């Protein structure tokens, strides 16, 4: 993989984790759509990886729970 594409892949993964930690997205699919809308067309290929999906789903779930707990407090 070329250096530029490796850097782009890392950028997309970082952005995906940032979005997941906001608590505003329910799962990897909604993050994928948000990234594509932001111009990261390569996100579709990356999100075919089950590990990536699982990690983002987990991060989304944790962030949503924290967000709900904050709102309830």
C-alpha atoms as a PDB file:
ATOM      1  CA  UNK A   1       0.000   0.000   0.000  1.00  0.00           C
ATOM      2  CA  UNK A   2       1.356   3.402  -0.879  1.00  0.00           C
ATOM      3  CA  UNK A   3       2.277   5.795   1.883  1.00  0.00           C
ATOM      4  CA  UNK A   4      -0.417   8.279   0.917  1.00  0.00           C
ATOM      5  CA  UNK A   5      -3.153   5.660   1.006  1.00  0.00           C
ATOM      6  CA  UNK A   6      -1.875   4.371   4.361  1.00  0.00           C
ATOM      7  CA  UNK A   7      -2.048   7.902   5.738  1.00  0.00           C
ATOM      8  CA  UNK A   8      -5.544   8.376   4.293  1.00  0.00           C
ATOM      9  CA  UNK A   9      -6.653   5.091   5.851  1.00  0.00           C
ATOM     10  CA  UNK A  10      -5.273   6.177   9.230  1.00  0.00           C
ATOM     11  CA  UNK A  11      -7.034   9.530   8.883  1.00  0.00           C
ATOM     12  CA  UNK A  12     -10.365   7.816   8.185  1.00  0.00           C
ATOM     13  CA  UNK A  13      -9.937   5.411  11.107  1.00  0.00           C
ATOM     14  CA  UNK A  14      -9.106   8.277  13.447  1.00  0.00           C
ATOM     15  CA  UNK A  15     -12.090  10.306  12.285  1.00  0.00           C
ATOM     16  CA  UNK A  16     -14.355   7.273  12.691  1.00  0.00           C
ATOM     17  CA  UNK A  17     -13.232   6.765  16.297  1.00  0.00           C
ATOM     18  CA  UNK A  18     -13.729  10.450  17.066  1.00  0.00           C
ATOM     19  CA  UNK A  19     -17.284  10.274  15.725  1.00  0.00           C
ATOM     20  CA  UNK A  20     -17.985   7.051  17.637  1.00  0.00           C
ATOM     21  CA  UNK A  21     -16.889   8.639  20.916  1.00  0.00           C
ATOM     22  CA  UNK A  22     -19.309  11.561  20.546  1.00  0.00           C
ATOM     23  CA  UNK A  23     -22.331   9.425  21.390  1.00  0.00           C
ATOM     24  CA  UNK A  24     -24.181  10.894  18.418  1.00  0.00           C
ATOM     25  CA  UNK A  25     -23.906   7.808  16.194  1.00  0.00           C
ATOM     26  CA  UNK A  26     -25.558   4.478  16.966  1.00  0.00           C
ATOM     27  CA  UNK A  27     -23.221   2.156  15.056  1.00  0.00           C
ATOM     28  CA  UNK A  28     -20.499   1.685  12.451  1.00  0.00           C
ATOM     29  CA  UNK A  29     -22.984   1.996   9.588  1.00  0.00           C
ATOM     30  CA  UNK A  30     -24.109   5.482  10.601  1.00  0.00           C
ATOM     31  CA  UNK A  31     -20.480   6.543  10.989  1.00  0.00           C
ATOM     32  CA  UNK A  32     -19.652   5.117   7.563  1.00  0.00           C
ATOM     33  CA  UNK A  33     -22.443   7.172   6.000  1.00  0.00           C
ATOM     34  CA  UNK A  34     -21.279  10.316   7.820  1.00  0.00           C
ATOM     35  CA  UNK A  35     -17.709   9.834   6.604  1.00  0.00           C
ATOM     36  CA  UNK A  36     -18.810   9.274   3.008  1.00  0.00           C
ATOM     37  CA  UNK A  37     -20.879  12.467   3.220  1.00  0.00           C
ATOM     38  CA  UNK A  38     -17.729  14.263   4.442  1.00  0.00           C
ATOM     39  CA  UNK A  39     -15.819  13.153   1.360  1.00  0.00           C
ATOM     40  CA  UNK A  40     -14.125  10.022   2.687  1.00  0.00           C
ATOM     41  CA  UNK A  41     -15.306   7.695  -0.108  1.00  0.00           C
ATOM     42  CA  UNK A  42     -12.741   5.083   0.920  1.00  0.00           C
ATOM     43  CA  UNK A  43     -14.669   4.562   4.160  1.00  0.00           C
ATOM     44  CA  UNK A  44     -16.984   2.148   2.381  1.00  0.00           C
ATOM     45  CA  UNK A  45     -14.080  -0.220   1.678  1.00  0.00           C
ATOM     46  CA  UNK A  46     -12.689   0.060   5.196  1.00  0.00           C
ATOM     47  CA  UNK A  47     -16.015  -0.648   6.828  1.00  0.00           C
ATOM     48  CA  UNK A  48     -16.160  -4.045   5.146  1.00  0.00           C
ATOM     49  CA  UNK A  49     -13.791  -5.231   7.869  1.00  0.00           C
ATOM     50  CA  UNK A  50     -15.767  -6.916  10.695  1.00  0.00           C
ATOM     51  CA  UNK A  51     -13.173  -5.968  13.313  1.00  0.00           C
ATOM     52  CA  UNK A  52     -13.514  -2.287  12.403  1.00  0.00           C
ATOM     53  CA  UNK A  53     -17.293  -2.547  12.564  1.00  0.00           C
ATOM     54  CA  UNK A  54     -17.198  -4.292  15.940  1.00  0.00           C
ATOM     55  CA  UNK A  55     -14.794  -1.767  17.417  1.00  0.00           C
ATOM     56  CA  UNK A  56     -16.881   1.184  16.260  1.00  0.00           C
ATOM     57  CA  UNK A  57     -20.119  -0.440  17.423  1.00  0.00           C
ATOM     58  CA  UNK A  58     -18.552  -0.934  20.854  1.00  0.00           C
ATOM     59  CA  UNK A  59     -17.279   2.654  21.029  1.00  0.00           C
ATOM     60  CA  UNK A  60     -20.687   3.970  19.958  1.00  0.00           C
ATOM     61  CA  UNK A  61     -22.459   1.896  22.601  1.00  0.00           C
ATOM     62  CA  UNK A  62     -20.140   3.110  25.372  1.00  0.00           C
ATOM     63  CA  UNK A  63     -20.456   6.723  24.298  1.00  0.00           C
ATOM     64  CA  UNK A  64     -24.248   6.532  24.075  1.00  0.00           C
ATOM     65  CA  UNK A  65     -24.447   5.045  27.588  1.00  0.00           C
ATOM     66  CA  UNK A  66     -22.180   7.779  28.990  1.00  0.00           C
ATOM     67  CA  UNK A  67     -24.209  10.436  27.227  1.00  0.00           C
ATOM     68  CA  UNK A  68     -27.476   9.050  28.598  1.00  0.00           C
ATOM     69  CA  UNK A  69     -26.047   8.809  32.116  1.00  0.00           C
ATOM     70  CA  UNK A  70     -24.947  12.442  31.932  1.00  0.00           C
ATOM     71  CA  UNK A  71     -28.394  13.528  30.792  1.00  0.00           C
ATOM     72  CA  UNK A  72     -30.072  11.566  33.580  1.00  0.00           C
ATOM     73  CA  UNK A  73     -27.855  13.078  36.261  1.00  0.00           C
END
